[in-house]
Amino acid sequence: MDKNISILIYEKENHLNSILYQQVSDNDNYETYTANDQINLLKLVNKKKFDICILNLEDVEPIFKNLSDDLLEKNRYVNIVGYCKKLFYEKFANNLNITLIEKPFRLNILLKKLEYIELTKNKS
């Protein structure tokens, strides 16, 4: 059996955070964690290794450099699924493995991105 994929979700808005958590957690292959503030986000990133991070890039923009350094230190092959408005796209360097989704997006688009990442991880 394939190992579980660990996923970290970061969204400041509590209602959206719980919707994302619920939908992603429905997949038995995913071990899902969530944070809705920067303190808990940074604590989780420093404590646990994650395969995938789902981030509202607009919420992490002020701390993105520190966050990306911490992620890479513990999670060399982490995949980031970031969602943001189109205007934010060029602000994020692609030295990380970032998949961008333009807001607003349908949940099934996010789930398909996760499925694709899971398939590529299982092949390697």
N, C-alpha and C. Protein backbone atom coordinates (compact mmCIF):
# COMPACT_ATOMS: atom_id res chain seq x y z
N MET A 1 0.83 -1.18 0.00
CA MET A 1 0.00 0.00 0.00
C MET A 1 0.88 1.24 0.00
N ASP A 2 0.49 2.25 -0.74
CA ASP A 2 1.24 3.49 -0.81
C ASP A 2 1.18 4.22 0.53
N LYS A 3 2.26 4.94 0.82
CA LYS A 3 2.26 5.72 2.06
C LYS A 3 1.30 6.89 1.93
N ASN A 4 0.81 7.36 3.07
CA ASN A 4 -0.08 8.52 3.06
C ASN A 4 0.68 9.76 2.64
N ILE A 5 0.00 10.61 1.94
CA ILE A 5 0.53 11.90 1.52
C ILE A 5 0.15 12.92 2.60
N SER A 6 1.14 13.60 3.17
CA SER A 6 0.83 14.60 4.19
C SER A 6 0.62 15.96 3.53
N ILE A 7 -0.48 16.59 3.91
CA ILE A 7 -0.88 17.85 3.30
C ILE A 7 -1.11 18.89 4.39
N LEU A 8 -0.56 20.07 4.16
CA LEU A 8 -0.78 21.22 5.04
C LEU A 8 -1.61 22.25 4.28
N ILE A 9 -2.70 22.69 4.90
CA ILE A 9 -3.57 23.72 4.32
C ILE A 9 -3.41 24.99 5.14
N TYR A 10 -3.16 26.10 4.46
CA TYR A 10 -3.12 27.39 5.14
C TYR A 10 -4.05 28.36 4.46
N GLU A 11 -5.07 28.74 5.19
CA GLU A 11 -6.06 29.73 4.75
C GLU A 11 -6.51 30.48 6.00
N LYS A 12 -6.38 31.80 5.97
CA LYS A 12 -6.76 32.62 7.14
C LYS A 12 -8.26 32.62 7.41
N GLU A 13 -9.05 32.58 6.37
CA GLU A 13 -10.50 32.66 6.53
C GLU A 13 -11.00 31.31 7.05
N ASN A 14 -11.54 31.30 8.27
CA ASN A 14 -11.90 30.06 8.96
C ASN A 14 -12.87 29.18 8.19
N HIS A 15 -13.89 29.77 7.61
CA HIS A 15 -14.90 28.97 6.91
C HIS A 15 -14.28 28.26 5.70
N LEU A 16 -13.52 28.98 4.89
CA LEU A 16 -12.86 28.37 3.74
C LEU A 16 -11.83 27.34 4.17
N ASN A 17 -11.12 27.64 5.25
CA ASN A 17 -10.14 26.70 5.78
C ASN A 17 -10.81 25.38 6.13
N SER A 18 -11.95 25.44 6.82
CA SER A 18 -12.62 24.19 7.22
C SER A 18 -13.22 23.46 6.01
N ILE A 19 -13.68 24.19 5.00
CA ILE A 19 -14.18 23.54 3.77
C ILE A 19 -13.04 22.80 3.07
N LEU A 20 -11.91 23.47 2.90
CA LEU A 20 -10.76 22.83 2.26
C LEU A 20 -10.31 21.61 3.05
N TYR A 21 -10.22 21.76 4.37
CA TYR A 21 -9.81 20.66 5.22
C TYR A 21 -10.75 19.46 5.07
N GLN A 22 -12.04 19.71 5.13
CA GLN A 22 -13.02 18.63 5.02
C GLN A 22 -12.93 17.91 3.67
N GLN A 23 -12.85 18.67 2.61
CA GLN A 23 -12.81 18.07 1.27
C GLN A 23 -11.53 17.27 1.04
N VAL A 24 -10.41 17.79 1.48
CA VAL A 24 -9.13 17.09 1.29
C VAL A 24 -9.05 15.88 2.21
N SER A 25 -9.57 16.01 3.42
CA SER A 25 -9.52 14.91 4.40
C SER A 25 -10.38 13.72 4.00
N ASP A 26 -11.33 13.94 3.10
CA ASP A 26 -12.18 12.83 2.66
C ASP A 26 -11.41 11.75 1.93
N ASN A 27 -10.24 12.07 1.42
CA ASN A 27 -9.40 11.09 0.75
C ASN A 27 -8.56 10.36 1.80
N ASP A 28 -8.71 9.04 1.87
CA ASP A 28 -8.02 8.24 2.89
C ASP A 28 -6.51 8.24 2.72
N ASN A 29 -6.01 8.60 1.53
CA ASN A 29 -4.57 8.61 1.29
C ASN A 29 -3.90 9.88 1.81
N TYR A 30 -4.69 10.83 2.27
CA TYR A 30 -4.15 12.11 2.71
C TYR A 30 -4.20 12.24 4.22
N GLU A 31 -3.06 12.59 4.79
CA GLU A 31 -2.96 12.94 6.21
C GLU A 31 -2.96 14.47 6.22
N THR A 32 -4.05 15.07 6.66
CA THR A 32 -4.28 16.50 6.46
C THR A 32 -4.11 17.30 7.75
N TYR A 33 -3.40 18.41 7.63
CA TYR A 33 -3.19 19.36 8.72
C TYR A 33 -3.64 20.73 8.24
N THR A 34 -4.02 21.58 9.19
CA THR A 34 -4.49 22.91 8.80
C THR A 34 -4.00 23.96 9.79
N ALA A 35 -3.82 25.16 9.24
CA ALA A 35 -3.46 26.33 10.06
C ALA A 35 -4.22 27.52 9.50
N ASN A 36 -4.67 28.38 10.40
CA ASN A 36 -5.37 29.57 9.92
C ASN A 36 -4.72 30.86 10.42
N ASP A 37 -3.50 30.73 10.96
CA ASP A 37 -2.71 31.91 11.30
C ASP A 37 -1.23 31.60 11.07
N GLN A 38 -0.43 32.65 10.92
CA GLN A 38 0.97 32.48 10.56
C GLN A 38 1.78 31.80 11.65
N ILE A 39 1.44 32.01 12.90
CA ILE A 39 2.18 31.37 13.99
C ILE A 39 2.04 29.86 13.93
N ASN A 40 0.80 29.37 13.80
CA ASN A 40 0.58 27.93 13.71
C ASN A 40 1.15 27.36 12.41
N LEU A 41 1.08 28.12 11.33
CA LEU A 41 1.66 27.67 10.07
C LEU A 41 3.15 27.42 10.22
N LEU A 42 3.87 28.39 10.76
CA LEU A 42 5.32 28.24 10.92
C LEU A 42 5.67 27.14 11.92
N LYS A 43 4.87 26.97 12.98
CA LYS A 43 5.10 25.88 13.93
C LYS A 43 4.97 24.52 13.25
N LEU A 44 3.90 24.35 12.47
CA LEU A 44 3.69 23.08 11.77
C LEU A 44 4.81 22.80 10.76
N VAL A 45 5.19 23.82 10.02
CA VAL A 45 6.24 23.65 9.01
C VAL A 45 7.56 23.24 9.66
N ASN A 46 7.84 23.77 10.84
CA ASN A 46 9.09 23.44 11.53
C ASN A 46 9.03 22.11 12.28
N LYS A 47 7.81 21.63 12.54
CA LYS A 47 7.64 20.40 13.32
C LYS A 47 7.47 19.15 12.46
N LYS A 48 6.83 19.29 11.32
CA LYS A 48 6.41 18.13 10.53
C LYS A 48 6.87 18.25 9.09
N LYS A 49 7.10 17.12 8.47
CA LYS A 49 7.45 17.08 7.06
C LYS A 49 6.16 16.94 6.25
N PHE A 50 6.03 17.75 5.20
CA PHE A 50 4.83 17.72 4.36
C PHE A 50 5.20 17.41 2.92
N ASP A 51 4.32 16.66 2.26
CA ASP A 51 4.48 16.37 0.84
C ASP A 51 3.89 17.48 -0.01
N ILE A 52 2.77 18.03 0.46
CA ILE A 52 2.05 19.06 -0.29
C ILE A 52 1.60 20.15 0.68
N CYS A 53 1.73 21.40 0.24
CA CYS A 53 1.18 22.54 0.99
C CYS A 53 0.19 23.25 0.09
N ILE A 54 -1.00 23.48 0.61
CA ILE A 54 -2.02 24.26 -0.09
C ILE A 54 -2.07 25.61 0.60
N LEU A 55 -1.72 26.66 -0.14
CA LEU A 55 -1.56 27.98 0.46
C LEU A 55 -2.32 29.04 -0.29
N ASN A 56 -2.96 29.92 0.45
CA ASN A 56 -3.46 31.16 -0.14
C ASN A 56 -2.24 32.08 -0.20
N LEU A 57 -1.69 32.26 -1.38
CA LEU A 57 -0.44 33.00 -1.51
C LEU A 57 -0.57 34.46 -1.08
N GLU A 58 -1.77 34.99 -1.17
CA GLU A 58 -1.98 36.36 -0.71
C GLU A 58 -1.80 36.46 0.81
N ASP A 59 -2.13 35.39 1.53
CA ASP A 59 -1.98 35.38 2.98
C ASP A 59 -0.53 35.17 3.41
N VAL A 60 0.26 34.48 2.61
CA VAL A 60 1.65 34.19 2.99
C VAL A 60 2.66 35.14 2.36
N GLU A 61 2.21 36.04 1.52
CA GLU A 61 3.15 36.93 0.82
C GLU A 61 4.13 37.61 1.77
N PRO A 62 3.69 38.19 2.90
CA PRO A 62 4.65 38.88 3.78
C PRO A 62 5.72 37.95 4.38
N ILE A 63 5.40 36.67 4.54
CA ILE A 63 6.36 35.75 5.17
C ILE A 63 6.85 34.68 4.20
N PHE A 64 6.61 34.85 2.90
CA PHE A 64 6.89 33.79 1.94
C PHE A 64 8.36 33.37 1.93
N LYS A 65 9.27 34.30 2.02
CA LYS A 65 10.71 33.97 2.00
C LYS A 65 11.05 33.08 3.18
N ASN A 66 10.65 33.47 4.39
CA ASN A 66 10.93 32.64 5.57
C ASN A 66 10.23 31.29 5.49
N LEU A 67 8.99 31.32 5.04
CA LEU A 67 8.22 30.08 4.93
C LEU A 67 8.86 29.14 3.93
N SER A 68 9.23 29.64 2.76
CA SER A 68 9.83 28.77 1.74
C SER A 68 11.17 28.23 2.20
N ASP A 69 11.97 29.02 2.91
CA ASP A 69 13.24 28.52 3.46
C ASP A 69 12.99 27.40 4.46
N ASP A 70 12.02 27.60 5.37
CA ASP A 70 11.70 26.58 6.36
C ASP A 70 11.15 25.31 5.71
N LEU A 71 10.30 25.48 4.70
CA LEU A 71 9.75 24.33 4.00
C LEU A 71 10.85 23.51 3.34
N LEU A 72 11.76 24.19 2.65
CA LEU A 72 12.82 23.48 1.94
C LEU A 72 13.81 22.82 2.90
N GLU A 73 14.01 23.42 4.06
CA GLU A 73 14.93 22.84 5.03
C GLU A 73 14.45 21.47 5.49
N LYS A 74 13.17 21.35 5.73
CA LYS A 74 12.61 20.10 6.25
C LYS A 74 11.99 19.22 5.15
N ASN A 75 11.58 19.84 4.06
CA ASN A 75 10.81 19.14 3.02
C ASN A 75 11.44 19.40 1.65
N ARG A 76 12.47 18.68 1.35
CA ARG A 76 13.23 18.97 0.13
C ARG A 76 12.39 18.87 -1.13
N TYR A 77 11.45 17.97 -1.16
CA TYR A 77 10.65 17.75 -2.37
C TYR A 77 9.19 18.13 -2.18
N VAL A 78 8.93 19.18 -1.44
CA VAL A 78 7.56 19.59 -1.17
C VAL A 78 6.93 20.20 -2.43
N ASN A 79 5.68 19.89 -2.64
CA ASN A 79 4.89 20.49 -3.72
C ASN A 79 3.97 21.53 -3.09
N ILE A 80 3.92 22.70 -3.70
CA ILE A 80 3.06 23.76 -3.20
C ILE A 80 1.96 24.02 -4.23
N VAL A 81 0.73 23.96 -3.76
CA VAL A 81 -0.41 24.38 -4.58
C VAL A 81 -0.84 25.71 -4.00
N GLY A 82 -0.59 26.77 -4.76
CA GLY A 82 -0.90 28.10 -4.28
C GLY A 82 -2.03 28.70 -5.09
N TYR A 83 -2.92 29.36 -4.41
CA TYR A 83 -3.99 30.04 -5.12
C TYR A 83 -3.94 31.52 -4.79
N CYS A 84 -4.21 32.32 -5.81
CA CYS A 84 -4.13 33.77 -5.66
C CYS A 84 -4.76 34.44 -6.87
N LYS A 85 -4.90 35.75 -6.78
CA LYS A 85 -5.38 36.52 -7.92
C LYS A 85 -4.28 36.55 -8.97
N LYS A 86 -4.66 36.72 -10.19
CA LYS A 86 -3.72 36.71 -11.30
C LYS A 86 -2.57 37.70 -11.10
N LEU A 87 -2.86 38.85 -10.49
CA LEU A 87 -1.85 39.88 -10.30
C LEU A 87 -0.68 39.41 -9.43
N PHE A 88 -0.90 38.41 -8.58
CA PHE A 88 0.14 37.95 -7.68
C PHE A 88 1.08 36.93 -8.33
N TYR A 89 0.71 36.36 -9.47
CA TYR A 89 1.47 35.26 -10.05
C TYR A 89 2.96 35.55 -10.17
N GLU A 90 3.31 36.70 -10.73
CA GLU A 90 4.72 36.95 -11.01
C GLU A 90 5.54 37.23 -9.76
N LYS A 91 4.91 37.37 -8.62
CA LYS A 91 5.65 37.67 -7.39
C LYS A 91 6.33 36.46 -6.78
N PHE A 92 5.98 35.27 -7.23
CA PHE A 92 6.49 34.07 -6.58
C PHE A 92 7.51 33.37 -7.48
N ALA A 93 8.71 33.24 -6.94
CA ALA A 93 9.78 32.59 -7.69
C ALA A 93 9.43 31.12 -7.89
N ASN A 94 9.87 30.59 -9.00
CA ASN A 94 9.54 29.21 -9.29
C ASN A 94 10.70 28.26 -8.98
N ASN A 95 11.56 28.65 -8.01
CA ASN A 95 12.60 27.72 -7.59
C ASN A 95 12.00 26.63 -6.71
N LEU A 96 10.78 26.86 -6.25
CA LEU A 96 10.02 25.83 -5.56
C LEU A 96 9.10 25.16 -6.57
N ASN A 97 8.60 24.02 -6.21
CA ASN A 97 7.67 23.32 -7.08
C ASN A 97 6.27 23.85 -6.80
N ILE A 98 5.90 24.97 -7.45
CA ILE A 98 4.63 25.63 -7.19
C ILE A 98 3.67 25.43 -8.35
N THR A 99 2.48 24.97 -8.02
CA THR A 99 1.37 24.91 -8.96
C THR A 99 0.43 26.04 -8.60
N LEU A 100 0.18 26.93 -9.54
CA LEU A 100 -0.66 28.09 -9.27
C LEU A 100 -2.08 27.87 -9.77
N ILE A 101 -3.03 28.29 -8.96
CA ILE A 101 -4.45 28.26 -9.33
C ILE A 101 -4.97 29.68 -9.14
N GLU A 102 -5.63 30.18 -10.16
CA GLU A 102 -6.16 31.54 -10.09
C GLU A 102 -7.48 31.56 -9.34
N LYS A 103 -7.59 32.52 -8.41
CA LYS A 103 -8.85 32.71 -7.68
C LYS A 103 -9.81 33.50 -8.54
N PRO A 104 -11.08 33.24 -8.44
CA PRO A 104 -11.73 32.13 -7.72
C PRO A 104 -11.58 30.83 -8.52
N PHE A 105 -11.58 29.73 -7.83
CA PHE A 105 -11.43 28.42 -8.49
C PHE A 105 -12.47 27.45 -7.95
N ARG A 106 -12.72 26.43 -8.72
CA ARG A 106 -13.63 25.36 -8.28
C ARG A 106 -12.83 24.33 -7.50
N LEU A 107 -13.45 23.76 -6.50
CA LEU A 107 -12.78 22.80 -5.65
C LEU A 107 -12.27 21.60 -6.44
N ASN A 108 -13.01 21.18 -7.46
CA ASN A 108 -12.56 20.01 -8.23
C ASN A 108 -11.23 20.28 -8.94
N ILE A 109 -10.93 21.53 -9.26
CA ILE A 109 -9.63 21.86 -9.87
C ILE A 109 -8.51 21.58 -8.87
N LEU A 110 -8.71 22.01 -7.63
CA LEU A 110 -7.73 21.75 -6.58
C LEU A 110 -7.56 20.25 -6.36
N LEU A 111 -8.65 19.51 -6.29
CA LEU A 111 -8.58 18.07 -6.06
C LEU A 111 -7.87 17.35 -7.20
N LYS A 112 -8.07 17.81 -8.42
CA LYS A 112 -7.36 17.22 -9.58
C LYS A 112 -5.86 17.50 -9.50
N LYS A 113 -5.48 18.69 -9.07
CA LYS A 113 -4.06 19.02 -8.89
C LYS A 113 -3.44 18.11 -7.83
N LEU A 114 -4.15 17.89 -6.73
CA LEU A 114 -3.65 17.00 -5.68
C LEU A 114 -3.50 15.57 -6.18
N GLU A 115 -4.47 15.13 -6.95
CA GLU A 115 -4.42 13.78 -7.52
C GLU A 115 -3.22 13.62 -8.44
N TYR A 116 -2.96 14.63 -9.26
CA TYR A 116 -1.81 14.59 -10.17
C TYR A 116 -0.50 14.53 -9.38
N ILE A 117 -0.38 15.35 -8.34
CA ILE A 117 0.83 15.34 -7.52
C ILE A 117 1.00 13.98 -6.85
N GLU A 118 -0.10 13.42 -6.35
CA GLU A 118 -0.04 12.09 -5.71
C GLU A 118 0.44 11.04 -6.71
N LEU A 119 -0.09 11.07 -7.93
CA LEU A 119 0.34 10.10 -8.94
C LEU A 119 1.83 10.23 -9.26
N THR A 120 2.30 11.45 -9.40
CA THR A 120 3.73 11.62 -9.73
C THR A 120 4.61 11.23 -8.55
N LYS A 121 4.16 11.46 -7.31
CA LYS A 121 4.92 11.05 -6.15
C LYS A 121 5.00 9.52 -6.04
N ASN A 122 3.89 8.86 -6.35
CA ASN A 122 3.86 7.40 -6.26
C ASN A 122 4.72 6.74 -7.34
N LYS A 123 4.92 7.41 -8.46
CA LYS A 123 5.78 6.87 -9.52
C LYS A 123 7.25 6.95 -9.16
N SER A 124 7.61 7.94 -8.34
CA SER A 124 9.03 8.12 -8.02
C SER A 124 9.45 7.37 -6.78
